[in-house]
C-alpha atoms as a PDB file:
ATOM      1  CA  MET A   1      44.196  21.473   6.855  1.00  0.00           C
ATOM      2  CA  ARG A   2      41.996  18.876   8.493  1.00  0.00           C
ATOM      3  CA  LYS A   3      39.927  16.808   6.069  1.00  0.00           C
ATOM      4  CA  LYS A   4      36.200  16.354   6.607  1.00  0.00           C
ATOM      5  CA  PRO A   5      35.175  12.788   7.501  1.00  0.00           C
ATOM      6  CA  ARG A   6      33.620  10.971   4.575  1.00  0.00           C
ATOM      7  CA  PHE A   7      30.200   9.470   4.699  1.00  0.00           C
ATOM      8  CA  PRO A   8      30.522   5.697   5.266  1.00  0.00           C
ATOM      9  CA  LYS A   9      29.928   3.619   2.173  1.00  0.00           C
ATOM     10  CA  ASP A  10      27.380   1.396   3.936  1.00  0.00           C
ATOM     11  CA  ASN A  11      25.346   4.415   5.003  1.00  0.00           C
ATOM     12  CA  LYS A  12      25.396   5.636   1.412  1.00  0.00           C
ATOM     13  CA  ARG A  13      23.816   2.355   0.313  1.00  0.00           C
ATOM     14  CA  MET A  14      21.131   2.579   2.975  1.00  0.00           C
ATOM     15  CA  GLY A  15      20.432   6.177   1.977  1.00  0.00           C
ATOM     16  CA  ALA A  16      20.101   5.117  -1.659  1.00  0.00           C
ATOM     17  CA  VAL A  17      17.548   2.456  -0.691  1.00  0.00           C
ATOM     18  CA  TRP A  18      15.507   5.010   1.271  1.00  0.00           C
ATOM     19  CA  CYS A  19      15.625   7.519  -1.594  1.00  0.00           C
ATOM     20  CA  PHE A  20      14.484   4.857  -4.068  1.00  0.00           C
ATOM     21  CA  SER A  21      11.598   3.849  -1.780  1.00  0.00           C
ATOM     22  CA  PHE A  22      10.294   7.393  -1.420  1.00  0.00           C
ATOM     23  CA  TYR A  23      10.752   8.016  -5.150  1.00  0.00           C
ATOM     24  CA  VAL A  24       8.491   5.053  -5.925  1.00  0.00           C
ATOM     25  CA  LEU A  25       5.948   6.302  -3.392  1.00  0.00           C
ATOM     26  CA  TYR A  26       6.021   9.746  -4.971  1.00  0.00           C
ATOM     27  CA  LYS A  27       5.520   8.385  -8.490  1.00  0.00           C
ATOM     28  CA  GLN A  28       2.629   6.167  -7.372  1.00  0.00           C
ATOM     29  CA  GLU A  29       0.976   9.040  -5.454  1.00  0.00           C
ATOM     30  CA  VAL A  30       0.534   6.767  -2.479  1.00  0.00           C
ATOM     31  CA  PHE A  31      -1.273   9.199  -0.236  1.00  0.00           C
ATOM     32  CA  SER A  32      -3.874  10.323  -2.800  1.00  0.00           C
ATOM     33  CA  TYR A  33      -7.108   8.480  -2.096  1.00  0.00           C
ATOM     34  CA  ASN A  34      -8.994   9.184  -5.314  1.00  0.00           C
ATOM     35  CA  LYS A  35      -7.061  10.075  -8.467  1.00  0.00           C
ATOM     36  CA  GLN A  36      -8.650  12.440 -10.946  1.00  0.00           C
ATOM     37  CA  TYR A  37      -7.923  11.950 -14.634  1.00  0.00           C
ATOM     38  CA  ARG A  38      -7.965  14.851 -17.085  1.00  0.00           C
ATOM     39  CA  TYR A  39      -8.397  14.900 -20.840  1.00  0.00           C
ATOM     40  CA  ARG A  40      -7.368  17.828 -22.999  1.00  0.00           C
ATOM     41  CA  ASP A  41     -10.235  17.634 -25.480  1.00  0.00           C
ATOM     42  CA  ILE A  42     -12.788  15.120 -24.289  1.00  0.00           C
ATOM     43  CA  ASP A  43     -15.410  16.060 -26.912  1.00  0.00           C
ATOM     44  CA  ALA A  44     -12.955  15.350 -29.722  1.00  0.00           C
ATOM     45  CA  VAL A  45     -12.172  11.991 -28.154  1.00  0.00           C
ATOM     46  CA  LEU A  46     -15.882  11.192 -27.962  1.00  0.00           C
ATOM     47  CA  GLU A  47     -16.459  12.012 -31.618  1.00  0.00           C
ATOM     48  CA  SER A  48     -13.541   9.854 -32.696  1.00  0.00           C
ATOM     49  CA  GLY A  49     -14.899   6.894 -30.716  1.00  0.00           C
ATOM     50  CA  LYS A  50     -11.624   6.305 -28.854  1.00  0.00           C
ATOM     51  CA  LEU A  51     -12.877   7.022 -25.361  1.00  0.00           C
ATOM     52  CA  GLY A  52     -12.709   3.433 -24.143  1.00  0.00           C
ATOM     53  CA  LYS A  53      -9.142   2.949 -25.356  1.00  0.00           C
ATOM     54  CA  GLU A  54      -8.140   6.349 -24.013  1.00  0.00           C
ATOM     55  CA  CYS A  55      -9.558   5.501 -20.609  1.00  0.00           C
ATOM     56  CA  MET A  56      -7.781   2.165 -20.500  1.00  0.00           C
ATOM     57  CA  CYS A  57      -4.478   3.847 -21.287  1.00  0.00           C
ATOM     58  CA  VAL A  58      -4.856   6.254 -18.365  1.00  0.00           C
ATOM     59  CA  ASN A  59      -6.788   4.118 -15.928  1.00  0.00           C
ATOM     60  CA  ARG A  60      -7.191   0.333 -15.803  1.00  0.00           C
ATOM     61  CA  TYR A  61     -10.741   0.868 -14.533  1.00  0.00           C
ATOM     62  CA  GLY A  62     -11.768   2.967 -17.524  1.00  0.00           C
ATOM     63  CA  GLU A  63     -14.310   0.376 -18.687  1.00  0.00           C
ATOM     64  CA  ASP A  64     -16.291   0.992 -15.497  1.00  0.00           C
ATOM     65  CA  TRP A  65     -16.950   4.624 -16.417  1.00  0.00           C
ATOM     66  CA  ARG A  66     -18.996   6.332 -19.105  1.00  0.00           C
ATOM     67  CA  TYR A  67     -18.873   9.945 -20.167  1.00  0.00           C
ATOM     68  CA  MET A  68     -22.455  11.226 -20.124  1.00  0.00           C
ATOM     69  CA  VAL A  69     -24.746  14.021 -19.020  1.00  0.00           C
ATOM     70  CA  PRO A  70     -26.511  12.893 -15.818  1.00  0.00           C
ATOM     71  CA  PRO A  71     -29.632  14.799 -14.675  1.00  0.00           C
ATOM     72  CA  ASP A  72     -29.263  17.191 -11.798  1.00  0.00           C
ATOM     73  CA  GLY A  73     -31.534  17.409  -8.760  1.00  0.00           C
ATOM     74  CA  ASN A  74     -34.270  19.204 -10.724  1.00  0.00           C
ATOM     75  CA  GLY A  75     -34.390  16.599 -13.501  1.00  0.00           C
ATOM     76  CA  LYS A  76     -32.607  18.865 -15.966  1.00  0.00           C
ATOM     77  CA  PRO A  77     -29.432  17.866 -17.843  1.00  0.00           C
ATOM     78  CA  GLY A  78     -26.348  18.539 -15.785  1.00  0.00           C
ATOM     79  CA  LYS A  79     -22.691  18.912 -16.668  1.00  0.00           C
ATOM     80  CA  LYS A  80     -20.827  16.359 -18.750  1.00  0.00           C
ATOM     81  CA  GLN A  81     -18.852  14.048 -16.511  1.00  0.00           C
ATOM     82  CA  PHE A  82     -17.818  10.452 -15.970  1.00  0.00           C
ATOM     83  CA  VAL A  83     -20.494   8.284 -14.343  1.00  0.00           C
ATOM     84  CA  TYR A  84     -19.715   4.898 -12.803  1.00  0.00           C
ATOM     85  CA  ILE A  85     -21.553   1.993 -14.464  1.00  0.00           C
ATOM     86  CA  GLY A  86     -19.440  -0.914 -13.190  1.00  0.00           C
ATOM     87  CA  LYS A  87     -20.029  -3.436 -10.438  1.00  0.00           C
ATOM     88  CA  TYR A  88     -20.284  -2.625  -6.755  1.00  0.00           C
ATOM     89  CA  TYR A  89     -18.766  -4.603  -3.895  1.00  0.00           C
ATOM     90  CA  THR A  90     -19.304  -4.822  -0.159  1.00  0.00           C
ATOM     91  CA  VAL A  91     -18.121  -6.724   2.904  1.00  0.00           C
ATOM     92  CA  ARG A  92     -20.807  -9.073   4.207  1.00  0.00           C
ATOM     93  CA  ILE A  93     -20.784  -8.070   7.850  1.00  0.00           C
ATOM     94  CA  LYS A  94     -23.245  -6.331  10.146  1.00  0.00           C
ATOM     95  CA  ASP A  95     -23.204  -2.553  10.316  1.00  0.00           C
ATOM     96  CA  GLU A  96     -22.107  -2.589  13.950  1.00  0.00           C
ATOM     97  CA  GLU A  97     -19.083  -4.714  12.969  1.00  0.00           C
ATOM     98  CA  ARG A  98     -17.694  -2.231  10.435  1.00  0.00           C
ATOM     99  CA  LYS A  99     -16.212   0.146  12.960  1.00  0.00           C
ATOM    100  CA  PRO A 100     -14.274  -2.596  14.834  1.00  0.00           C
ATOM    101  CA  LEU A 101     -13.110  -3.928  11.457  1.00  0.00           C
ATOM    102  CA  LYS A 102     -11.655  -0.563  10.469  1.00  0.00           C
ATOM    103  CA  LYS A 103     -10.109  -0.204  13.902  1.00  0.00           C
ATOM    104  CA  MET A 104      -8.434  -3.604  13.506  1.00  0.00           C
ATOM    105  CA  TYR A 105      -6.891  -2.559  10.178  1.00  0.00           C
ATOM    106  CA  ALA A 106      -5.733   0.746  11.660  1.00  0.00           C
ATOM    107  CA  VAL A 107      -4.075  -0.880  14.693  1.00  0.00           C
ATOM    108  CA  TYR A 108      -2.259  -3.569  12.695  1.00  0.00           C
ATOM    109  CA  GLY A 109      -1.234  -1.138   9.955  1.00  0.00           C
ATOM    110  CA  ILE A 110       0.158   1.515  12.302  1.00  0.00           C
ATOM    111  CA  LEU A 111       1.946  -1.064  14.469  1.00  0.00           C
ATOM    112  CA  SER A 112       3.548  -2.661  11.399  1.00  0.00           C
ATOM    113  CA  VAL A 113       4.869   0.666  10.121  1.00  0.00           C
ATOM    114  CA  ILE A 114       6.142   1.928  13.487  1.00  0.00           C
ATOM    115  CA  TRP A 115       7.780  -1.394  14.365  1.00  0.00           C
ATOM    116  CA  LEU A 116       9.506  -1.833  11.008  1.00  0.00           C
ATOM    117  CA  LEU A 117      10.791   1.738  10.935  1.00  0.00           C
ATOM    118  CA  GLY A 118      11.834   1.545  14.576  1.00  0.00           C
ATOM    119  CA  ILE A 119      14.127  -1.461  14.215  1.00  0.00           C
ATOM    120  CA  GLY A 120      16.011   0.401  11.493  1.00  0.00           C
ATOM    121  CA  PHE A 121      17.331   2.861  14.113  1.00  0.00           C
ATOM    122  CA  PHE A 122      19.410   0.067  15.694  1.00  0.00           C
ATOM    123  CA  ASN A 123      21.550   0.244  12.538  1.00  0.00           C
ATOM    124  CA  PRO A 124      23.825  -2.731  13.343  1.00  0.00           C
ATOM    125  CA  PRO A 125      26.763  -3.529  11.033  1.00  0.00           C
ATOM    126  CA  GLY A 126      24.971  -6.608   9.712  1.00  0.00           C
ATOM    127  CA  SER A 127      22.014  -4.550   8.511  1.00  0.00           C
ATOM    128  CA  ARG A 128      24.315  -2.687   6.112  1.00  0.00           C
ATOM    129  CA  LEU A 129      25.069  -5.804   4.115  1.00  0.00           C
ATOM    130  CA  VAL A 130      23.430  -5.915   0.708  1.00  0.00           C
ATOM    131  CA  TYR A 131      21.442  -9.103   1.340  1.00  0.00           C
ATOM    132  CA  VAL A 132      19.980  -7.533   4.504  1.00  0.00           C
ATOM    133  CA  MET A 133      19.701  -3.914   3.457  1.00  0.00           C
ATOM    134  CA  LEU A 134      17.832  -4.477   0.192  1.00  0.00           C
ATOM    135  CA  PRO A 135      15.041  -6.727   1.547  1.00  0.00           C
ATOM    136  CA  TYR A 136      14.654  -4.436   4.553  1.00  0.00           C
ATOM    137  CA  GLY A 137      14.374  -1.404   2.279  1.00  0.00           C
ATOM    138  CA  PHE A 138      11.753  -3.091   0.108  1.00  0.00           C
ATOM    139  CA  SER A 139       9.799  -4.179   3.182  1.00  0.00           C
ATOM    140  CA  ILE A 140       9.638  -0.507   4.229  1.00  0.00           C
ATOM    141  CA  LEU A 141       8.352   0.386   0.772  1.00  0.00           C
ATOM    142  CA  PHE A 142       5.608  -2.241   0.877  1.00  0.00           C
ATOM    143  CA  VAL A 143       4.571  -1.493   4.456  1.00  0.00           C
ATOM    144  CA  LEU A 144       3.976   2.121   3.444  1.00  0.00           C
ATOM    145  CA  PHE A 145       1.653   0.791   0.744  1.00  0.00           C
ATOM    146  CA  VAL A 146      -0.091  -1.146   3.517  1.00  0.00           C
ATOM    147  CA  LEU A 147      -0.529   2.117   5.410  1.00  0.00           C
ATOM    148  CA  GLN A 148      -1.971   3.777   2.298  1.00  0.00           C
ATOM    149  CA  SER A 149      -4.427   0.910   1.892  1.00  0.00           C
ATOM    150  CA  VAL A 150      -5.456   1.189   5.545  1.00  0.00           C
ATOM    151  CA  VAL A 151      -6.208   4.875   5.019  1.00  0.00           C
ATOM    152  CA  SER A 152      -8.375   3.923   2.030  1.00  0.00           C
ATOM    153  CA  ILE A 153     -10.200   1.355   4.189  1.00  0.00           C
ATOM    154  CA  LEU A 154     -10.858   3.941   6.880  1.00  0.00           C
ATOM    155  CA  LEU A 155     -12.329   6.285   4.260  1.00  0.00           C
ATOM    156  CA  SER A 156     -14.296   3.581   2.458  1.00  0.00           C
ATOM    157  CA  LYS A 157     -18.058   3.199   2.663  1.00  0.00           C
ATOM    158  CA  ARG A 158     -20.307   0.169   2.794  1.00  0.00           C
ATOM    159  CA  ILE A 159     -20.768   0.027  -0.996  1.00  0.00           C
ATOM    160  CA  MET A 160     -17.537   0.312  -2.995  1.00  0.00           C
ATOM    161  CA  THR A 161     -16.616   0.483  -6.645  1.00  0.00           C
ATOM    162  CA  ARG A 162     -14.205  -2.049  -8.118  1.00  0.00           C
ATOM    163  CA  GLU A 163     -11.370   0.469  -7.951  1.00  0.00           C
ATOM    164  CA  GLU A 164     -12.087   1.362  -4.325  1.00  0.00           C
ATOM    165  CA  CYS A 165     -12.219  -2.313  -3.348  1.00  0.00           C
ATOM    166  CA  ASP A 166      -8.943  -3.107  -5.125  1.00  0.00           C
ATOM    167  CA  HIS A 167      -7.119  -0.091  -3.677  1.00  0.00           C
ATOM    168  CA  SER A 168      -8.235  -0.798  -0.123  1.00  0.00           C
ATOM    169  CA  PHE A 169      -8.866  -4.387   1.003  1.00  0.00           C
ATOM    170  CA  HIS A 170      -7.197  -6.228  -1.893  1.00  0.00           C
ATOM    171  CA  ARG A 171      -4.112  -4.030  -2.010  1.00  0.00           C
ATOM    172  CA  ALA A 172      -3.687  -4.212   1.769  1.00  0.00           C
ATOM    173  CA  ARG A 173      -3.634  -7.996   1.588  1.00  0.00           C
ATOM    174  CA  LYS A 174      -1.101  -8.137  -1.265  1.00  0.00           C
ATOM    175  CA  MET A 175       1.229  -5.567   0.283  1.00  0.00           C
ATOM    176  CA  THR A 176       1.080  -7.315   3.666  1.00  0.00           C
ATOM    177  CA  VAL A 177       2.211 -10.564   2.046  1.00  0.00           C
ATOM    178  CA  LEU A 178       5.101  -8.810   0.281  1.00  0.00           C
ATOM    179  CA  THR A 179       6.132  -7.036   3.483  1.00  0.00           C
ATOM    180  CA  PHE A 180       6.097 -10.366   5.327  1.00  0.00           C
ATOM    181  CA  VAL A 181       8.249 -12.063   2.677  1.00  0.00           C
ATOM    182  CA  PHE A 182      10.902  -9.328   2.535  1.00  0.00           C
ATOM    183  CA  SER A 183      10.986  -8.972   6.333  1.00  0.00           C
ATOM    184  CA  LEU A 184      11.556 -12.723   6.574  1.00  0.00           C
ATOM    185  CA  VAL A 185      14.389 -12.503   4.027  1.00  0.00           C
ATOM    186  CA  ALA A 186      15.954  -9.605   5.978  1.00  0.00           C
ATOM    187  CA  ALA A 187      15.756 -11.648   9.185  1.00  0.00           C
ATOM    188  CA  GLY A 188      17.405 -14.601   7.430  1.00  0.00           C
ATOM    189  CA  GLY A 189      20.183 -12.385   6.089  1.00  0.00           C
ATOM    190  CA  GLU A 190      20.814 -10.900   9.530  1.00  0.00           C
ATOM    191  CA  LEU A 191      20.944 -14.398  11.036  1.00  0.00           C
ATOM    192  CA  ILE A 192      23.543 -15.454   8.446  1.00  0.00           C
ATOM    193  CA  SER A 193      25.570 -12.339   9.271  1.00  0.00           C
ATOM    194  CA  ILE A 194      25.509 -13.169  12.993  1.00  0.00           C
ATOM    195  CA  LEU A 195      26.539 -16.781  12.416  1.00  0.00           C
ATOM    196  CA  GLN A 196      29.446 -15.728  10.192  1.00  0.00           C
ATOM    197  CA  ARG A 197      30.866 -13.389  12.837  1.00  0.00           C
ATOM    198  CA  MET A 198      30.014 -15.468  15.898  1.00  0.00           C
ATOM    199  CA  TRP A 199      33.481 -17.024  15.884  1.00  0.00           C
ATOM    200  CA  GLY A 200      36.417 -14.696  15.554  1.00  0.00           C
ATOM    201  CA  GLY A 201      34.414 -11.465  15.534  1.00  0.00           C
ATOM    202  CA  THR A 202      32.715  -9.050  17.871  1.00  0.00           C
ATOM    203  CA  LEU A 203      28.941  -8.846  17.974  1.00  0.00           C
ATOM    204  CA  LEU A 204      26.979  -5.894  19.277  1.00  0.00           C
ATOM    205  CA  TRP A 205      23.683  -6.174  21.110  1.00  0.00           C
ATOM    206  CA  THR A 206      22.083  -4.225  18.264  1.00  0.00           C
ATOM    207  CA  GLU A 207      22.610  -7.247  15.981  1.00  0.00           C
ATOM    208  CA  TYR A 208      20.359  -9.402  18.149  1.00  0.00           C
ATOM    209  CA  ALA A 209      17.887  -6.554  18.629  1.00  0.00           C
ATOM    210  CA  PHE A 210      17.554  -6.052  14.870  1.00  0.00           C
ATOM    211  CA  LEU A 211      17.074  -9.794  14.311  1.00  0.00           C
ATOM    212  CA  ALA A 212      14.476 -10.036  17.072  1.00  0.00           C
ATOM    213  CA  GLY A 213      12.685  -6.995  15.644  1.00  0.00           C
ATOM    214  CA  CYS A 214      12.475  -8.544  12.167  1.00  0.00           C
ATOM    215  CA  VAL A 215      11.144 -11.802  13.599  1.00  0.00           C
ATOM    216  CA  ALA A 216       8.567  -9.933  15.690  1.00  0.00           C
ATOM    217  CA  GLU A 217       7.505  -7.989  12.591  1.00  0.00           C
ATOM    218  CA  CYS A 218       6.973 -11.253  10.711  1.00  0.00           C
ATOM    219  CA  VAL A 219       4.842 -12.621  13.567  1.00  0.00           C
ATOM    220  CA  LEU A 220       2.754  -9.435  13.619  1.00  0.00           C
ATOM    221  CA  LEU A 221       2.250  -9.541   9.855  1.00  0.00           C
ATOM    222  CA  TRP A 222       1.337 -13.234  10.024  1.00  0.00           C
ATOM    223  CA  PHE A 223      -1.552 -12.538  12.399  1.00  0.00           C
ATOM    224  CA  PHE A 224      -2.545  -9.545  10.258  1.00  0.00           C
ATOM    225  CA  MET A 225      -2.677 -11.774   7.163  1.00  0.00           C
ATOM    226  CA  GLN A 226      -4.882 -14.310   8.960  1.00  0.00           C
ATOM    227  CA  ARG A 227      -7.347 -11.565   9.853  1.00  0.00           C
ATOM    228  CA  GLN A 228      -7.318 -10.242   6.293  1.00  0.00           C
ATOM    229  CA  ASN A 229      -7.992 -13.697   4.848  1.00  0.00           C
ATOM    230  CA  ARG A 230     -11.196 -13.898   6.859  1.00  0.00           C
ATOM    231  CA  VAL A 231     -12.252 -10.465   5.626  1.00  0.00           C
ATOM    232  CA  SER A 232     -11.439 -11.311   1.984  1.00  0.00           C
ATOM    233  CA  GLU A 233     -13.792 -14.287   2.145  1.00  0.00           C
ATOM    234  CA  LYS A 234     -16.639 -11.901   3.003  1.00  0.00           C
ATOM    235  CA  ILE A 235     -16.033  -9.469   0.121  1.00  0.00           C
ATOM    236  CA  CYS A 236     -18.595 -10.084  -2.611  1.00  0.00           C
ATOM    237  CA  GLU A 237     -20.399  -8.368  -5.438  1.00  0.00           C
ATOM    238  CA  THR A 238     -23.642  -6.670  -4.477  1.00  0.00           C
ATOM    239  CA  SER A 239     -26.707  -5.568  -6.400  1.00  0.00           C
ATOM    240  CA  GLU A 240     -27.106  -2.569  -4.101  1.00  0.00           C
ATOM    241  CA  LYS A 241     -26.130   0.800  -5.429  1.00  0.00           C
ATOM    242  CA  PRO A 242     -25.530   4.114  -3.701  1.00  0.00           C
ATOM    243  CA  GLU A 243     -28.363   6.647  -3.773  1.00  0.00           C
ATOM    244  CA  ARG A 244     -26.316   8.767  -6.157  1.00  0.00           C
ATOM    245  CA  PRO A 245     -24.025   7.090  -8.729  1.00  0.00           C
ATOM    246  CA  LYS A 246     -20.315   7.717  -8.434  1.00  0.00           C
ATOM    247  CA  GLN A 247     -19.183  10.628 -10.604  1.00  0.00           C
ATOM    248  CA  ARG A 248     -15.944  12.285 -11.606  1.00  0.00           C
END
């Protein structure tokens, strides 16, 4: 009886890296823009005076919220809910510049994701080595966080809470730096693999294509980081507040 071909060991490693990346994304709820936090018995927590600690355990931005009864549109007491009392932030640019700014983030973010995922389809032998596969897998993980941050930027408004600012502009900048670093490490690992097999071994064109793709990704991310640095310099605290305070 003919035996079924086994799955190559290198492909198993790459599959494990992909599964780990999507598991982390699932646990972090990457594609949820605004998380809602629930409490089983909020009134009991209020009476015990542990609301602040309870909030901090669930959400690092708990100190920016207070559980109160805000008035409704008729001036009467409304439902009990969390009301934002923290600081607000904005980007110091003209209103007509906000749309091009969001478009810039969208273009760079989508190009980074498509390019990084695309070079993985070359699947050269060198990319299956541990010191190439792991940094490449982590760069995919971080570039997906960049995409999530870009979505948050596209949905953001002129006045943002501290959480909205951190999860959009600040997170995009941090994840772009991490993606750049791991893409650079993957390119270095692929270059070492090519040099080791240049004499006495056969090299496929996909090896050079994967290396060129990683280098091009690093160049793209470098320009993206320069643009983000200019935007970060314009983010500041503002005394303006939205017409209606943020509520949960």
